[in-house]
Amino acid sequence: MKPLTIALILLGIAAFIGGVVWTTLQAAEVECEVCLVFGGTEVCRLGRGPSEEDARTAAQQSACGGNTSGMAESIACLNRASSRETCSAR
């Protein structure tokens, strides 16, 4: 391959990676911490998202993910009200 072709390919790859990183970082504008009690254990997790609802959902899914086993428990955990939550803009 010619040096110019290699340089253009590398530039394209760098631009793509930069675009993915920039888009990912821009999407998380709100951060929420959600705590919930399930199975006698309180678990608190952080979640980030473009809106408060998305950040809250991400935090609850994260808290339930490590606190349940099986689909039935996961669904029950996701439907449970949080014991505490705080959200803030980033």
N, C-alpha and C. Protein backbone atom coordinates (compact mmCIF):
# COMPACT_ATOMS: atom_id res chain seq x y z
N MET A 1 0.84 -1.19 0.00
CA MET A 1 0.00 0.00 0.00
C MET A 1 0.88 1.25 0.00
N LYS A 2 0.36 2.28 -0.58
CA LYS A 2 1.08 3.54 -0.62
C LYS A 2 0.99 4.23 0.75
N PRO A 3 1.98 5.03 1.11
CA PRO A 3 1.97 5.74 2.40
C PRO A 3 0.75 6.65 2.56
N LEU A 4 0.30 7.27 1.48
CA LEU A 4 -0.88 8.14 1.57
C LEU A 4 -2.13 7.32 1.91
N THR A 5 -2.27 6.16 1.33
CA THR A 5 -3.42 5.30 1.61
C THR A 5 -3.42 4.86 3.06
N ILE A 6 -2.27 4.47 3.56
CA ILE A 6 -2.15 4.05 4.96
C ILE A 6 -2.49 5.21 5.89
N ALA A 7 -1.98 6.40 5.58
CA ALA A 7 -2.26 7.57 6.40
C ALA A 7 -3.75 7.90 6.43
N LEU A 8 -4.41 7.79 5.27
CA LEU A 8 -5.85 8.06 5.22
C LEU A 8 -6.65 7.02 5.99
N ILE A 9 -6.25 5.77 5.92
CA ILE A 9 -6.93 4.72 6.69
C ILE A 9 -6.77 4.97 8.18
N LEU A 10 -5.55 5.28 8.62
CA LEU A 10 -5.31 5.57 10.03
C LEU A 10 -6.07 6.80 10.50
N LEU A 11 -6.16 7.81 9.66
CA LEU A 11 -6.92 9.02 10.00
C LEU A 11 -8.40 8.70 10.13
N GLY A 12 -8.92 7.87 9.24
CA GLY A 12 -10.31 7.46 9.32
C GLY A 12 -10.61 6.68 10.59
N ILE A 13 -9.72 5.77 10.96
CA ILE A 13 -9.90 4.98 12.18
C ILE A 13 -9.86 5.89 13.40
N ALA A 14 -8.92 6.83 13.44
CA ALA A 14 -8.81 7.76 14.57
C ALA A 14 -10.06 8.64 14.67
N ALA A 15 -10.58 9.09 13.55
CA ALA A 15 -11.80 9.91 13.56
C ALA A 15 -12.99 9.12 14.06
N PHE A 16 -13.10 7.86 13.66
CA PHE A 16 -14.20 7.00 14.11
C PHE A 16 -14.12 6.79 15.62
N ILE A 17 -12.96 6.45 16.13
CA ILE A 17 -12.79 6.22 17.57
C ILE A 17 -13.08 7.50 18.34
N GLY A 18 -12.58 8.63 17.85
CA GLY A 18 -12.86 9.91 18.50
C GLY A 18 -14.35 10.22 18.54
N GLY A 19 -15.05 9.94 17.46
CA GLY A 19 -16.49 10.17 17.40
C GLY A 19 -17.25 9.30 18.39
N VAL A 20 -16.86 8.05 18.50
CA VAL A 20 -17.52 7.14 19.45
C VAL A 20 -17.29 7.61 20.88
N VAL A 21 -16.07 7.96 21.21
CA VAL A 21 -15.76 8.44 22.57
C VAL A 21 -16.52 9.72 22.87
N TRP A 22 -16.52 10.66 21.96
CA TRP A 22 -17.21 11.93 22.19
C TRP A 22 -18.71 11.73 22.37
N THR A 23 -19.31 10.90 21.54
CA THR A 23 -20.74 10.64 21.65
C THR A 23 -21.08 9.96 22.97
N THR A 24 -20.27 9.02 23.38
CA THR A 24 -20.50 8.30 24.64
C THR A 24 -20.41 9.25 25.83
N LEU A 25 -19.44 10.11 25.84
CA LEU A 25 -19.26 11.02 26.97
C LEU A 25 -20.35 12.10 27.01
N GLN A 26 -20.85 12.52 25.87
CA GLN A 26 -21.87 13.55 25.82
C GLN A 26 -23.23 13.04 26.26
N ALA A 27 -23.48 11.74 26.16
CA ALA A 27 -24.79 11.18 26.46
C ALA A 27 -25.11 11.20 27.95
N ALA A 28 -24.11 11.13 28.81
CA ALA A 28 -24.35 11.04 30.25
C ALA A 28 -24.38 12.43 30.86
N GLU A 29 -25.56 13.04 30.92
CA GLU A 29 -25.70 14.38 31.48
C GLU A 29 -26.25 14.38 32.90
N VAL A 30 -26.87 13.28 33.32
CA VAL A 30 -27.45 13.18 34.65
C VAL A 30 -26.89 11.93 35.33
N GLU A 31 -26.59 12.05 36.62
CA GLU A 31 -26.10 10.91 37.40
C GLU A 31 -27.03 10.70 38.58
N CYS A 32 -27.47 9.47 38.80
CA CYS A 32 -28.35 9.14 39.92
C CYS A 32 -27.75 8.00 40.73
N GLU A 33 -27.93 8.08 42.04
CA GLU A 33 -27.62 6.96 42.91
C GLU A 33 -28.93 6.42 43.43
N VAL A 34 -29.15 5.14 43.24
CA VAL A 34 -30.39 4.50 43.67
C VAL A 34 -30.03 3.40 44.67
N CYS A 35 -30.72 3.41 45.81
CA CYS A 35 -30.56 2.36 46.81
C CYS A 35 -31.88 1.62 46.93
N LEU A 36 -31.79 0.30 47.00
CA LEU A 36 -33.00 -0.48 47.20
C LEU A 36 -32.69 -1.68 48.08
N VAL A 37 -33.72 -2.12 48.78
CA VAL A 37 -33.61 -3.29 49.64
C VAL A 37 -34.32 -4.45 48.95
N PHE A 38 -33.58 -5.52 48.76
CA PHE A 38 -34.15 -6.71 48.14
C PHE A 38 -33.48 -7.92 48.76
N GLY A 39 -34.27 -8.85 49.24
CA GLY A 39 -33.71 -10.04 49.86
C GLY A 39 -32.99 -9.74 51.16
N GLY A 40 -33.40 -8.68 51.85
CA GLY A 40 -32.79 -8.33 53.14
C GLY A 40 -31.49 -7.57 53.02
N THR A 41 -31.08 -7.23 51.83
CA THR A 41 -29.82 -6.51 51.62
C THR A 41 -30.08 -5.19 50.92
N GLU A 42 -29.47 -4.11 51.43
CA GLU A 42 -29.58 -2.83 50.74
C GLU A 42 -28.38 -2.68 49.81
N VAL A 43 -28.66 -2.35 48.57
CA VAL A 43 -27.62 -2.16 47.57
C VAL A 43 -27.81 -0.80 46.94
N CYS A 44 -26.72 -0.04 46.83
CA CYS A 44 -26.75 1.28 46.19
C CYS A 44 -25.83 1.25 44.97
N ARG A 45 -26.31 1.81 43.87
CA ARG A 45 -25.52 1.86 42.64
C ARG A 45 -25.74 3.19 41.93
N LEU A 46 -24.73 3.59 41.16
CA LEU A 46 -24.81 4.81 40.34
C LEU A 46 -25.24 4.45 38.92
N GLY A 47 -25.95 5.37 38.31
CA GLY A 47 -26.33 5.23 36.91
C GLY A 47 -26.24 6.59 36.24
N ARG A 48 -25.89 6.59 34.98
CA ARG A 48 -25.80 7.84 34.21
C ARG A 48 -26.63 7.72 32.95
N GLY A 49 -27.15 8.86 32.50
CA GLY A 49 -27.93 8.86 31.28
C GLY A 49 -28.23 10.26 30.82
N PRO A 50 -28.83 10.39 29.65
CA PRO A 50 -29.15 11.71 29.10
C PRO A 50 -30.29 12.40 29.84
N SER A 51 -31.11 11.64 30.57
CA SER A 51 -32.21 12.23 31.34
C SER A 51 -32.21 11.60 32.73
N GLU A 52 -32.95 12.24 33.64
CA GLU A 52 -33.02 11.71 35.00
C GLU A 52 -33.66 10.32 35.01
N GLU A 53 -34.69 10.14 34.21
CA GLU A 53 -35.36 8.84 34.15
C GLU A 53 -34.41 7.74 33.67
N ASP A 54 -33.63 8.04 32.64
CA ASP A 54 -32.68 7.06 32.11
C ASP A 54 -31.59 6.74 33.14
N ALA A 55 -31.09 7.76 33.82
CA ALA A 55 -30.04 7.55 34.82
C ALA A 55 -30.58 6.73 36.00
N ARG A 56 -31.80 7.03 36.42
CA ARG A 56 -32.43 6.29 37.52
C ARG A 56 -32.63 4.82 37.13
N THR A 57 -33.10 4.59 35.91
CA THR A 57 -33.31 3.23 35.42
C THR A 57 -31.99 2.46 35.35
N ALA A 58 -30.94 3.10 34.86
CA ALA A 58 -29.63 2.45 34.77
C ALA A 58 -29.11 2.08 36.16
N ALA A 59 -29.29 2.97 37.13
CA ALA A 59 -28.83 2.69 38.49
C ALA A 59 -29.62 1.53 39.11
N GLN A 60 -30.93 1.51 38.90
CA GLN A 60 -31.74 0.44 39.46
C GLN A 60 -31.40 -0.90 38.80
N GLN A 61 -31.20 -0.91 37.50
CA GLN A 61 -30.82 -2.15 36.82
C GLN A 61 -29.48 -2.66 37.33
N SER A 62 -28.57 -1.75 37.59
CA SER A 62 -27.27 -2.14 38.11
C SER A 62 -27.39 -2.72 39.51
N ALA A 63 -28.20 -2.07 40.35
CA ALA A 63 -28.39 -2.57 41.71
C ALA A 63 -29.05 -3.94 41.71
N CYS A 64 -30.01 -4.14 40.86
CA CYS A 64 -30.72 -5.43 40.81
C CYS A 64 -29.84 -6.52 40.21
N GLY A 65 -28.97 -6.14 39.28
CA GLY A 65 -28.15 -7.14 38.59
C GLY A 65 -27.28 -7.96 39.51
N GLY A 66 -26.70 -7.34 40.54
CA GLY A 66 -25.83 -8.07 41.44
C GLY A 66 -26.54 -8.59 42.67
N ASN A 67 -27.83 -8.36 42.77
CA ASN A 67 -28.57 -8.68 43.98
C ASN A 67 -29.62 -9.76 43.77
N THR A 68 -29.72 -10.29 42.56
CA THR A 68 -30.76 -11.28 42.25
C THR A 68 -30.17 -12.47 41.54
N SER A 69 -30.94 -13.53 41.55
CA SER A 69 -30.56 -14.70 40.73
C SER A 69 -31.83 -15.21 40.07
N GLY A 70 -31.81 -15.29 38.78
CA GLY A 70 -32.98 -15.76 38.04
C GLY A 70 -33.85 -14.63 37.55
N MET A 71 -34.64 -14.94 36.54
CA MET A 71 -35.49 -13.94 35.89
C MET A 71 -36.60 -13.44 36.81
N ALA A 72 -37.22 -14.31 37.57
CA ALA A 72 -38.32 -13.90 38.45
C ALA A 72 -37.85 -12.89 39.49
N GLU A 73 -36.69 -13.15 40.11
CA GLU A 73 -36.15 -12.21 41.10
C GLU A 73 -35.73 -10.90 40.44
N SER A 74 -35.18 -10.97 39.24
CA SER A 74 -34.78 -9.75 38.54
C SER A 74 -35.98 -8.85 38.26
N ILE A 75 -37.07 -9.45 37.79
CA ILE A 75 -38.29 -8.68 37.51
C ILE A 75 -38.86 -8.10 38.79
N ALA A 76 -38.89 -8.90 39.86
CA ALA A 76 -39.41 -8.41 41.14
C ALA A 76 -38.56 -7.25 41.66
N CYS A 77 -37.25 -7.35 41.52
CA CYS A 77 -36.36 -6.29 41.98
C CYS A 77 -36.56 -5.00 41.17
N LEU A 78 -36.67 -5.14 39.86
CA LEU A 78 -36.86 -3.96 39.01
C LEU A 78 -38.19 -3.26 39.27
N ASN A 79 -39.18 -3.99 39.76
CA ASN A 79 -40.48 -3.40 40.06
C ASN A 79 -40.57 -2.83 41.47
N ARG A 80 -39.55 -3.04 42.27
CA ARG A 80 -39.54 -2.56 43.65
C ARG A 80 -39.18 -1.07 43.68
N ALA A 81 -39.84 -0.35 44.59
CA ALA A 81 -39.53 1.08 44.77
C ALA A 81 -38.19 1.22 45.48
N SER A 82 -37.46 2.25 45.14
CA SER A 82 -36.16 2.47 45.77
C SER A 82 -36.34 2.98 47.20
N SER A 83 -35.37 2.65 48.05
CA SER A 83 -35.41 3.14 49.43
C SER A 83 -34.83 4.54 49.53
N ARG A 84 -33.96 4.88 48.57
CA ARG A 84 -33.34 6.21 48.55
C ARG A 84 -32.79 6.46 47.15
N GLU A 85 -32.92 7.68 46.68
CA GLU A 85 -32.30 8.04 45.40
C GLU A 85 -31.96 9.52 45.37
N THR A 86 -30.83 9.80 44.76
CA THR A 86 -30.39 11.19 44.57
C THR A 86 -29.89 11.33 43.15
N CYS A 87 -30.26 12.42 42.51
CA CYS A 87 -29.84 12.68 41.13
C CYS A 87 -29.24 14.08 41.04
N SER A 88 -28.29 14.22 40.15
CA SER A 88 -27.68 15.53 39.92
C SER A 88 -27.22 15.63 38.47
N ALA A 89 -27.23 16.85 37.97
CA ALA A 89 -26.73 17.09 36.61
C ALA A 89 -25.22 17.06 36.64
N ARG A 90 -24.65 16.56 35.55
CA ARG A 90 -23.19 16.49 35.48
C ARG A 90 -22.64 17.69 34.79
